[in-house]
Protein backbone atom coordinates (compact mmCIF):
# COMPACT_ATOMS: atom_id res chain seq x y z
CA MET A 1 25.15 -6.18 10.82
CA LEU A 2 25.28 -2.42 11.19
CA ARG A 3 21.53 -2.15 10.83
CA ASP A 4 19.07 0.74 11.01
CA GLY A 5 21.68 3.48 11.01
CA ILE A 6 23.79 2.22 13.94
CA GLN A 7 27.25 3.68 13.40
CA THR A 8 29.28 2.08 16.22
CA VAL A 9 30.16 -1.39 17.44
CA LEU A 10 31.59 -2.43 20.82
CA LEU A 11 34.11 -5.28 21.00
CA ASP A 12 35.80 -7.05 23.88
CA THR A 13 39.12 -7.84 22.22
CA THR A 14 42.86 -7.40 22.60
CA LEU A 15 43.17 -6.73 18.87
CA ASP A 16 44.52 -3.30 17.91
CA ILE A 17 41.82 -2.12 15.51
CA SER A 18 42.43 0.60 12.95
CA SER A 19 39.00 0.54 11.26
CA PHE A 20 35.84 -1.50 10.75
CA GLY A 21 33.02 -1.67 8.24
CA GLU A 22 30.32 -3.72 6.55
CA ASP A 23 30.86 -5.54 3.27
CA GLU A 24 28.38 -6.05 0.43
CA ALA A 25 27.22 -9.35 1.96
CA GLY A 26 26.23 -7.56 5.16
CA GLU A 27 29.06 -8.97 7.31
CA ILE A 28 30.99 -6.77 9.73
CA TYR A 29 34.79 -6.81 9.42
CA VAL A 30 37.57 -5.20 11.45
CA VAL A 31 41.04 -4.23 10.25
CA ALA A 32 43.98 -4.53 12.67
CA LEU A 33 46.91 -2.14 12.70
CA SER A 34 48.93 -4.93 11.09
CA GLY A 35 46.48 -5.00 8.18
CA THR A 36 44.87 -8.31 9.15
CA ILE A 37 41.14 -8.47 8.35
CA SER A 38 38.82 -10.36 10.73
CA ARG A 39 35.11 -11.02 10.29
CA LEU A 40 32.57 -11.03 13.11
CA THR A 41 30.00 -13.76 13.63
CA ASN A 42 26.80 -13.49 15.62
CA PRO A 43 26.62 -16.29 18.22
CA ASP A 44 22.81 -15.96 18.25
CA ALA A 45 22.50 -16.48 14.49
CA ARG A 46 20.62 -19.60 13.48
CA ASP A 47 19.62 -21.35 10.29
CA ALA A 48 16.09 -22.67 10.69
CA SER A 49 12.86 -23.51 8.86
CA ALA A 50 10.88 -23.35 12.12
CA ARG A 51 11.13 -20.74 14.86
CA SER A 52 9.56 -21.03 18.27
CA PHE A 53 8.03 -17.77 19.47
CA SER A 54 6.73 -16.28 22.67
CA THR A 55 4.91 -12.95 22.84
CA PRO A 56 4.54 -11.54 26.37
CA ASP A 57 1.75 -9.22 27.45
CA ARG A 58 2.24 -5.97 25.49
CA GLY A 59 5.49 -7.38 24.09
CA ALA A 60 6.72 -8.64 20.73
CA PHE A 61 8.69 -11.41 19.05
CA VAL A 62 11.08 -10.12 16.35
CA ALA A 63 13.21 -12.29 14.04
CA SER A 64 15.24 -10.81 11.17
CA THR A 65 17.35 -12.15 8.32
CA PRO A 66 20.48 -10.35 7.06
CA GLY A 67 19.54 -10.57 3.38
CA SER A 68 23.12 -11.57 2.57
CA ALA A 69 22.28 -14.51 0.28
CA SER A 70 23.01 -13.84 -3.37
CA ALA A 71 20.02 -15.81 -4.67
CA LEU A 72 16.42 -14.66 -4.21
CA THR A 73 14.15 -17.02 -2.26
CA THR A 74 10.40 -16.53 -1.87
CA GLY A 75 7.90 -18.43 0.19
CA TYR A 76 5.30 -18.24 2.93
CA ALA A 77 5.03 -18.73 6.69
CA ARG A 78 2.52 -20.60 8.84
CA ILE A 79 2.00 -19.36 12.41
CA GLN A 80 0.55 -21.89 14.83
CA ALA A 81 -0.01 -21.31 18.54
CA SER A 82 0.36 -23.94 21.22
CA GLN A 83 -2.86 -25.59 22.42
CA VAL A 84 -3.35 -23.25 25.37
CA SER A 85 -2.45 -20.02 23.55
CA PRO A 86 -4.41 -17.65 21.32
CA LEU A 87 -2.88 -16.63 18.02
CA PRO A 88 -0.83 -13.42 18.00
CA SER A 89 -1.07 -10.77 15.31
CA GLY A 90 1.89 -10.21 13.07
CA ILE A 91 3.54 -8.77 10.00
CA ALA A 92 6.53 -9.53 7.79
CA ILE A 93 8.47 -6.52 6.55
CA PHE A 94 10.74 -7.19 3.62
CA GLY A 95 13.00 -4.62 2.04
CA LEU A 96 14.88 -4.35 -1.24
CA GLN A 97 18.44 -3.06 -1.35
CA GLN A 98 20.10 -2.14 -4.65
CA ARG A 99 23.74 -1.08 -4.94
CA GLY A 100 23.96 -0.78 -1.17
CA ILE A 101 20.87 1.46 -0.88
CA VAL A 102 17.48 0.49 0.57
CA VAL A 103 15.05 1.52 -2.18
CA SER A 104 11.79 0.00 -0.93
CA GLU A 105 10.12 -1.78 1.98
CA THR A 106 6.68 -3.31 2.34
CA SER A 107 4.79 -5.28 4.96
CA VAL A 108 2.62 -8.38 4.64
CA PRO A 109 0.16 -8.96 7.50
CA ALA A 110 -0.36 -12.37 9.06
CA SER A 111 -3.92 -13.23 8.10
CA PRO A 112 -6.50 -16.01 8.55
CA LEU A 113 -7.43 -18.38 5.75
CA ILE A 114 -10.17 -17.35 3.31
CA GLN A 115 -12.08 -18.93 0.44
CA SER A 116 -12.76 -15.78 -1.58
CA GLY A 117 -11.42 -12.27 -1.92
CA ARG A 118 -11.36 -9.09 -3.98
CA VAL A 119 -8.67 -6.45 -4.45
CA PHE A 120 -8.07 -3.26 -6.42
CA ALA A 121 -6.16 -4.12 -9.61
CA GLU A 122 -4.09 -1.75 -11.73
CA VAL A 123 -1.74 -2.60 -14.58
CA ALA A 124 -0.65 0.40 -16.65
CA GLY A 125 2.73 1.86 -17.54
CA ALA A 126 4.95 1.96 -14.46
CA VAL A 127 2.29 0.38 -12.21
CA ASN A 128 1.65 -3.33 -11.82
CA THR A 129 -0.25 -5.47 -9.33
CA GLY A 130 0.81 -8.92 -8.18
CA ILE A 131 -1.09 -11.61 -6.28
CA ALA A 132 0.38 -14.25 -3.97
CA ILE A 133 -1.76 -17.19 -2.83
CA ALA A 134 -0.53 -19.90 -0.46
CA ASN A 135 -2.27 -23.27 -0.11
CA PRO A 136 -1.38 -24.88 3.25
CA ASN A 137 -3.78 -27.79 2.76
CA THR A 138 -3.00 -31.46 2.12
CA GLY A 139 -4.99 -31.32 -1.12
CA ALA A 140 -4.84 -29.17 -4.25
CA ALA A 141 -6.77 -25.89 -4.26
CA THR A 142 -8.72 -24.89 -7.36
CA ILE A 143 -8.73 -21.11 -7.77
CA SER A 144 -11.39 -19.49 -9.96
CA PHE A 145 -10.94 -15.80 -10.75
CA PHE A 146 -12.11 -12.93 -12.92
CA PHE A 147 -11.51 -9.22 -13.45
CA THR A 148 -14.06 -6.38 -13.32
CA ASP A 149 -13.57 -3.06 -15.11
CA SER A 150 -14.60 0.37 -13.85
CA ASN A 151 -18.07 -0.03 -15.41
CA GLY A 152 -18.83 -3.26 -13.55
CA ASN A 153 -18.19 -5.56 -16.53
CA ASN A 154 -16.48 -8.89 -15.80
CA PHE A 155 -13.76 -10.31 -18.06
CA GLY A 156 -10.82 -12.70 -18.02
CA SER A 157 -12.50 -15.56 -16.15
CA LYS A 158 -10.10 -18.48 -15.64
CA THR A 159 -9.13 -21.20 -13.18
CA THR A 160 -5.78 -22.43 -11.90
CA THR A 161 -4.70 -25.12 -9.47
CA ILE A 162 -2.29 -24.74 -6.56
CA PRO A 163 -0.89 -28.11 -5.44
CA ALA A 164 -0.94 -29.08 -1.78
CA GLY A 165 1.45 -26.97 0.27
CA HIS A 166 2.44 -24.80 -2.70
CA GLN A 167 2.32 -21.06 -3.30
CA ILE A 168 1.92 -19.02 -6.46
CA ALA A 169 3.02 -15.40 -6.89
CA ALA A 170 2.70 -13.51 -10.16
CA PHE A 171 1.70 -10.18 -11.62
CA LEU A 172 -1.79 -9.89 -13.05
CA ASN A 173 -0.45 -9.57 -16.60
CA GLU A 174 1.48 -12.84 -16.20
CA ALA A 175 0.44 -16.49 -16.14
CA PRO A 176 -1.72 -17.82 -14.62
CA PHE A 177 -3.64 -14.57 -14.09
CA ALA A 178 -3.28 -12.74 -17.43
CA PRO A 179 -6.77 -12.10 -18.88
CA VAL A 180 -7.77 -14.32 -21.79
CA ASN A 181 -8.54 -11.27 -23.94
CA GLY A 182 -4.87 -10.27 -23.85
CA ALA A 183 -5.48 -6.94 -22.12
CA THR A 184 -2.24 -5.06 -21.56
CA SER A 185 -3.79 -2.63 -19.08
CA ILE A 186 -6.18 -3.26 -16.21
CA LEU A 187 -8.06 -0.84 -13.97
CA GLY A 188 -10.70 -2.32 -11.72
CA THR A 189 -10.75 -5.32 -9.41
CA PHE A 190 -9.53 -8.90 -9.25
CA THR A 191 -11.86 -11.43 -7.59
CA PHE A 192 -11.06 -15.04 -6.73
CA SER A 193 -12.68 -18.00 -5.00
CA SER A 194 -11.21 -21.31 -3.86
CA ASN A 195 -12.61 -24.73 -3.02
CA LEU A 196 -10.21 -24.81 -0.03
CA ALA A 197 -9.27 -22.11 2.45
CA VAL A 198 -6.09 -20.30 1.36
CA SER A 199 -4.11 -17.18 2.26
CA ALA A 200 -3.61 -14.28 -0.15
CA ILE A 201 -2.07 -10.82 -0.46
CA ALA A 202 -1.76 -8.27 -3.27
CA ILE A 203 1.45 -6.35 -3.89
CA ARG A 204 1.37 -3.15 -5.90
CA GLY A 205 4.61 -2.35 -7.69
CA PHE A 206 5.69 1.00 -9.12
CA THR A 207 8.84 1.36 -11.22
CA ASN A 208 10.08 4.87 -10.51
CA GLU A 209 12.01 7.36 -12.59
CA ARG A 210 15.31 5.64 -11.62
CA SER A 211 13.93 2.22 -12.66
CA GLU A 212 13.75 1.19 -8.99
CA PHE A 213 10.93 -1.14 -7.97
CA LEU A 214 8.82 0.36 -5.17
CA MET A 215 6.47 -2.04 -3.35
CA THR A 216 3.39 -1.72 -1.21
CA THR A 217 0.78 -4.26 -0.18
CA LEU A 218 -2.95 -3.92 -0.78
CA PRO A 219 -5.54 -5.66 1.43
CA ILE A 220 -7.68 -8.52 0.17
CA LEU A 221 -11.28 -7.85 1.20
CA SER A 222 -14.02 -10.37 1.83
CA VAL A 223 -16.55 -10.77 -0.96
CA GLY A 224 -20.18 -10.03 -0.14
CA ALA A 225 -22.30 -7.28 1.35
CA THR A 226 -21.07 -5.52 4.47
CA GLY A 227 -22.72 -3.10 6.86
CA GLY A 228 -23.50 0.52 6.20
CA GLU A 229 -21.19 2.09 8.77
CA THR A 230 -19.04 5.15 8.03
CA ILE A 231 -15.36 4.37 7.39
CA THR A 232 -12.52 6.57 8.66
CA LEU A 233 -9.02 6.62 7.18
CA ALA A 234 -6.91 8.08 9.96
CA HIS A 235 -4.40 9.85 7.73
CA PHE A 236 -3.87 11.53 4.39
CA ALA A 237 -1.04 13.78 3.25
CA ASP A 238 -1.13 16.22 0.36
CA GLY A 239 1.48 18.71 -0.84
CA GLY A 240 5.17 19.11 -0.11
CA GLY A 241 5.85 16.16 -2.41
CA TRP A 242 3.07 14.01 -0.90
CA ARG A 243 -0.01 12.77 -2.71
CA THR A 244 -2.73 10.42 -1.48
CA GLN A 245 -5.18 8.43 -3.56
CA VAL A 246 -8.11 6.85 -1.76
CA VAL A 247 -9.21 3.60 -3.37
CA LEU A 248 -12.73 2.32 -2.69
CA VAL A 249 -13.73 -1.25 -3.63
CA ASN A 250 -17.29 -2.57 -3.88
CA PRO A 251 -17.51 -5.92 -2.03
CA GLY A 252 -20.90 -6.82 -3.49
CA ASP A 253 -22.78 -7.37 -6.74
CA SER A 254 -24.93 -4.23 -6.61
CA PRO A 255 -23.99 -0.58 -7.23
CA ILE A 256 -23.06 1.41 -4.12
CA GLY A 257 -22.52 5.10 -3.46
CA GLY A 258 -22.10 7.75 -0.84
CA THR A 259 -19.89 10.69 0.11
CA ILE A 260 -16.14 11.00 0.67
CA GLN A 261 -15.00 13.83 2.92
CA PHE A 262 -11.45 15.10 3.53
CA LEU A 263 -11.02 16.78 6.93
CA GLY A 264 -8.08 18.79 8.23
CA ALA A 265 -6.27 18.05 11.47
CA ASP A 266 -8.45 20.75 13.09
CA GLY A 267 -11.62 18.87 12.14
CA GLN A 268 -12.73 21.33 9.47
CA THR A 269 -13.96 19.99 6.13
CA ILE A 270 -11.52 20.54 3.26
CA SER A 271 -13.65 18.95 0.55
CA ALA A 272 -16.61 16.62 0.13
CA SER A 273 -17.83 14.87 -3.00
CA PRO A 274 -20.12 11.99 -3.96
CA TYR A 275 -18.82 8.65 -5.21
CA ALA A 276 -20.47 5.80 -7.09
CA ILE A 277 -19.07 2.32 -7.68
CA GLY A 278 -20.45 -0.29 -10.05
CA PRO A 279 -20.96 -3.93 -9.07
CA ARG A 280 -17.66 -5.58 -8.02
CA GLY A 281 -15.85 -2.43 -9.15
CA ALA A 282 -13.53 0.18 -7.71
CA THR A 283 -12.95 3.92 -7.85
CA ARG A 284 -10.02 6.20 -7.04
CA ILE A 285 -10.17 9.65 -5.45
CA PRO A 286 -6.72 11.31 -5.63
CA THR A 287 -5.56 14.48 -3.93
CA ALA A 288 -3.92 17.15 -6.08
CA GLY A 289 -0.45 16.96 -4.54
CA THR A 290 0.52 20.32 -6.04
CA ALA A 291 0.91 22.53 -2.95
CA SER A 292 4.41 23.41 -1.77
CA THR A 293 3.58 22.62 1.86
CA VAL A 294 2.08 19.44 3.26
CA GLN A 295 -1.45 19.30 4.64
CA THR A 296 -2.57 16.32 6.73
CA GLY A 297 -5.85 15.11 8.12
CA SER A 298 -8.32 12.23 7.90
CA VAL A 299 -10.79 10.88 5.35
CA ARG A 300 -14.38 9.89 6.07
CA VAL A 301 -16.33 7.60 3.72
CA SER A 302 -20.09 7.40 4.28
CA THR A 303 -22.54 5.29 2.31
CA THR A 304 -26.20 5.32 1.37
CA THR A 305 -26.16 1.57 0.74
CA THR A 306 -23.34 -0.87 1.54
CA ALA A 307 -19.95 0.34 2.77
CA PRO A 308 -16.98 -0.13 0.44
CA SER A 309 -13.55 -1.18 1.60
CA ALA A 310 -11.05 1.68 1.65
CA VAL A 311 -7.29 2.00 1.36
CA ALA A 312 -5.13 5.12 1.17
CA ILE A 313 -2.08 4.89 -1.11
CA PHE A 314 0.57 7.45 -0.12
CA THR A 315 3.12 8.56 -2.70
CA TYR A 316 6.13 10.75 -1.93
CA LYS A 317 7.86 12.53 -4.83
CA PRO A 318 9.87 15.39 -3.29
CA VAL A 319 11.50 16.61 -6.52
CA ASP A 320 11.66 14.67 -9.78
CA THR A 321 11.77 11.12 -8.43
CA THR A 322 9.14 9.05 -6.64
CA VAL A 323 10.92 7.56 -3.62
CA THR A 324 8.19 5.64 -1.78
CA GLU A 325 4.62 4.32 -1.82
CA ALA A 326 2.57 2.78 0.99
CA GLY A 327 -0.96 1.42 1.04
CA VAL A 328 -2.79 1.81 4.36
CA PRO A 329 -6.16 0.05 4.81
CA ALA A 330 -9.00 1.50 6.85
CA LEU A 331 -9.55 -0.31 10.15
CA ARG A 332 -12.66 -0.39 12.29
CA ASN A 333 -12.78 2.32 14.92
CA GLY A 334 -11.94 1.08 18.42
CA THR A 335 -11.03 2.05 21.97
CA ALA A 336 -7.86 -0.04 22.50
CA PHE A 337 -5.08 -0.79 20.01
CA GLN A 338 -1.57 -2.19 20.16
CA LEU A 339 1.12 -1.17 17.71
CA TYR A 340 4.64 -2.53 17.16
CA VAL A 341 7.08 0.39 17.18
CA GLU A 342 10.78 0.96 16.50
CA LYS A 343 13.26 3.78 16.90
CA SER A 344 16.86 3.76 15.66
CA GLY A 345 19.23 5.95 13.73
CA ALA A 346 17.42 5.32 10.44
CA VAL A 347 14.01 3.95 11.44
CA GLU A 348 11.17 5.44 13.45
CA THR A 349 7.48 4.60 13.74
CA GLY A 350 4.85 7.23 13.09
CA LEU A 351 1.18 7.07 13.98
CA ALA A 352 -2.03 8.92 13.23
CA VAL A 353 -5.16 9.02 15.38
CA ALA A 354 -8.44 10.45 14.08
CA ASN A 355 -11.46 11.41 16.17
CA PRO A 356 -14.67 10.55 14.25
CA SER A 357 -16.97 12.08 16.86
CA ALA A 358 -18.40 15.58 17.25
CA SER A 359 -16.76 15.99 20.69
CA PRO A 360 -13.08 16.41 21.65
CA ILE A 361 -11.36 13.30 22.97
CA THR A 362 -8.25 12.41 24.99
CA VAL A 363 -6.16 9.46 23.81
CA ASN A 364 -3.78 7.70 26.21
CA LEU A 365 -0.50 6.12 25.11
CA ALA A 366 1.80 3.77 27.05
CA LEU A 367 5.07 2.25 25.82
CA THR A 368 6.48 -1.17 26.70
CA ARG A 369 9.64 -2.96 25.58
CA ALA A 370 9.62 -6.06 23.39
CA ASP A 371 9.99 -8.23 26.50
CA GLY A 372 6.78 -6.70 27.88
CA SER A 373 8.45 -4.62 30.58
CA SER A 374 7.33 -1.03 31.06
CA THR A 375 9.51 1.85 29.89
CA GLY A 376 7.75 4.14 32.35
CA LEU A 377 6.85 6.37 29.41
CA SER A 378 3.25 7.44 28.85
CA GLY A 379 1.51 10.39 27.25
CA GLN A 380 -1.77 11.86 26.08
CA LEU A 381 -3.08 13.35 22.85
CA ASN A 382 -5.98 15.79 22.87
CA ILE A 383 -7.81 15.58 19.56
CA PRO A 384 -10.54 18.07 18.59
CA ALA A 385 -13.96 17.07 17.33
CA ASN A 386 -13.61 15.45 13.88
CA GLY A 387 -9.90 16.19 14.13
CA GLN A 388 -6.69 14.22 13.74
CA THR A 389 -3.14 14.09 15.08
CA SER A 390 -0.12 12.55 13.34
CA LEU A 391 3.37 12.36 14.83
CA PHE A 392 6.46 10.22 15.26
CA LEU A 393 7.23 8.17 18.34
CA ARG A 394 9.73 10.70 19.69
CA GLU A 395 7.17 13.51 19.30
CA ILE A 396 4.57 11.97 21.63
CA PRO A 397 4.28 14.14 24.76
CA GLY A 398 6.21 12.40 27.54
CA PHE A 399 8.40 10.33 25.18
CA ALA A 400 11.26 12.80 24.73
CA SER A 401 13.62 10.68 26.87
CA LEU A 402 13.22 7.55 24.70
CA THR A 403 16.64 6.41 23.49
CA ALA A 404 17.58 4.39 20.41
CA PRO A 405 17.74 1.61 19.48
CA PHE A 406 14.27 0.63 20.70
CA GLN A 407 11.76 -2.09 19.80
CA GLY A 408 8.49 -2.48 21.64
CA VAL A 409 4.73 -2.03 21.70
CA LEU A 410 2.68 1.15 21.98
CA ARG A 411 -0.77 0.77 23.55
CA ILE A 412 -3.39 3.33 22.49
CA THR A 413 -6.62 3.67 24.51
CA SER A 414 -9.54 6.10 24.58
CA ALA A 415 -12.96 6.41 26.19
CA ALA A 416 -14.71 6.64 22.81
CA PRO A 417 -13.84 4.95 19.49
CA VAL A 418 -11.03 6.43 17.38
CA ALA A 419 -9.38 5.51 14.07
CA VAL A 420 -5.69 4.58 14.16
CA THR A 421 -3.05 3.95 11.52
CA SER A 422 0.72 3.69 11.57
CA LEU A 423 3.68 3.87 9.23
CA ARG A 424 7.32 2.98 9.73
CA GLY A 425 9.60 5.68 8.35
CA ARG A 426 13.12 4.90 7.14
CA THR A 427 15.78 7.35 6.01
CA ASN A 428 17.90 5.45 3.51
CA GLN A 429 21.54 5.85 2.52
CA ARG A 430 20.58 8.65 0.08
CA SER A 431 18.78 10.50 2.91
CA GLU A 432 15.45 9.73 1.22
CA PHE A 433 12.38 9.09 3.37
CA LEU A 434 10.64 5.74 2.82
CA VAL A 435 7.39 4.62 4.48
CA THR A 436 6.00 1.15 5.23
CA THR A 437 2.61 0.15 6.62
CA THR A 438 2.64 -1.36 10.13
CA THR A 439 -0.96 -2.26 10.92
CA PRO A 440 -2.22 -1.74 14.50
CA VAL A 441 -4.11 -4.50 16.34
CA ASP A 442 -7.58 -3.90 17.77
CA GLU A 443 -7.57 -5.57 21.19
CA SER A 444 -11.28 -6.38 20.92
CA ALA A 445 -10.98 -8.16 17.56
CA ALA A 446 -11.80 -11.86 17.82
CA VAL A 447 -9.41 -14.44 16.33
CA THR A 448 -11.31 -17.53 15.17
CA SER A 449 -8.76 -19.06 12.79
CA SER A 450 -6.75 -22.13 13.81
CA GLU A 451 -3.61 -20.62 12.28
CA LEU A 452 -2.35 -17.51 10.52
CA LEU A 453 -0.34 -17.30 7.33
CA ILE A 454 2.07 -14.75 5.95
CA PRO A 455 1.32 -15.62 2.31
CA HIS A 456 4.47 -14.11 0.81
CA PHE A 457 7.96 -12.98 1.76
CA ALA A 458 11.28 -12.54 -0.05
CA GLU A 459 14.84 -13.07 1.19
CA GLY A 460 18.20 -12.87 -0.57
CA GLY A 461 19.03 -11.30 -3.91
CA GLY A 462 18.92 -7.88 -2.26
CA TYR A 463 15.90 -8.64 -0.03
CA ASN A 464 15.84 -9.11 3.73
CA VAL A 465 12.83 -9.91 5.92
CA GLN A 466 11.77 -9.12 9.48
CA PHE A 467 9.03 -11.23 11.12
CA ILE A 468 7.13 -9.48 13.94
CA LEU A 469 4.51 -11.11 16.18
CA PHE A 470 2.66 -9.18 18.89
CA GLY A 471 -0.79 -8.20 20.18
CA ARG A 472 -1.65 -11.14 22.46
CA VAL A 473 0.05 -13.31 25.07
CA SER A 474 0.97 -16.33 22.98
CA SER A 475 3.55 -19.01 22.26
CA GLY A 476 3.96 -21.42 19.39
CA THR A 477 5.93 -22.03 16.21
CA MET A 478 6.39 -20.22 12.91
CA TYR A 479 7.05 -22.61 10.01
CA LEU A 480 8.69 -21.43 6.78
CA PHE A 481 8.08 -22.98 3.35
CA ASP A 482 9.31 -22.33 -0.17
CA ARG A 483 6.98 -21.99 -3.15
CA GLY A 484 7.03 -25.75 -3.65
CA GLY A 485 5.87 -26.45 -0.10
CA GLN A 486 9.23 -27.66 1.18
CA PRO A 487 10.61 -26.47 4.55
CA LEU A 488 12.73 -23.38 3.92
CA SER A 489 15.70 -22.67 6.17
CA LEU A 490 16.55 -18.99 6.60
CA LEU A 491 19.57 -17.55 8.37
CA PHE A 492 18.31 -15.47 11.29
CA GLN A 493 20.65 -12.97 12.88
């Protein structure tokens, strides 16, 4: 595959080659001077429903599919570590290609099993929200769910059953989730509970002005009261085609409120306003997105009661067409993070670091390869009080000599807690800029689950998927299943 913008291929052959290229199935071919066409095969390619993995210290395991199958296959993955290993963190990034052009990418985090969850739900016009739930148990899971509108009123209570080992994935206006009152539009939250521990993810879809389906994932939050700490979203972008809407979800059954504050990269307050959220409800705070130039910074959400969950949804519409959306959840502030990063002709990781304190701070960055070996590259970011810095991998001071292609792990450390987020940028075949969430890992976060699940992925029919495991020294096996719970063999390149 000529992936990620790579424009050359090296061959050890006596064949006199006149040209080469990539066909619609994603296979590389070469044309000899005689006109003979030969196709290349990857000796490392494998067809498997289980993949052994090993993640070295500050390294990563990466396995990708070519997306060359004509039929769409969906399913889920179970990640199990060996007896002596902790579980790694991970994500699955799957992208959609239409007519030879990548139009959308989204990432699904590997997550522990849960028995209840709540997520922002929107169904209206070009926007839809889907839910995927995987049941890895040996018995059927009974899922009870309901919707809550913006006023805190519940509706559409129903139950459904997921057989042992199965997965369901559907939009909220489709069976089995469609509200019993026949509502054609939804704005609020979707809450579910299960008698068995399951894995779930929400996918927000937007059909743009070219009828292309743009995807982004939304986090499932735990149901119940949380603490009253201030939340920091490390990045927002407004203007120059960018628009950010901050979505706040109430995890509890009582009204909550507080203040949302947008701060510039220099730490100065741009705006501040109160918010109020009804029981089990949600609210949206959008930026204007009308300025000709882009302004970036961070968002701070304080509370007078219980803290909401927060996610920033970035939308990029440079002219008349929306080209990308990405939902980035707020993470707890920390002093040590690891982040999977890439750099190639078409793909590059970007990161944002926000300083929530009233004093300036220095953030240290060190880059290692996927095999855990050091690149020798390190740098520092000096962030003002209440300020923020956002930049691409190549823009980090000290990283100018980094060459492509590169896959590895960026370690971010600081003496005091900071907020971190990251996005993977891709320039597609139309020279449009797409963004995908790539969630950092807090090194201090405890992992108590016996396994992790990636509750949904898609491959074939225009989709390809990349599985990425990192964050802890670990080894084990990743098992792949289709929606019916049967082992699913994928071609890995």
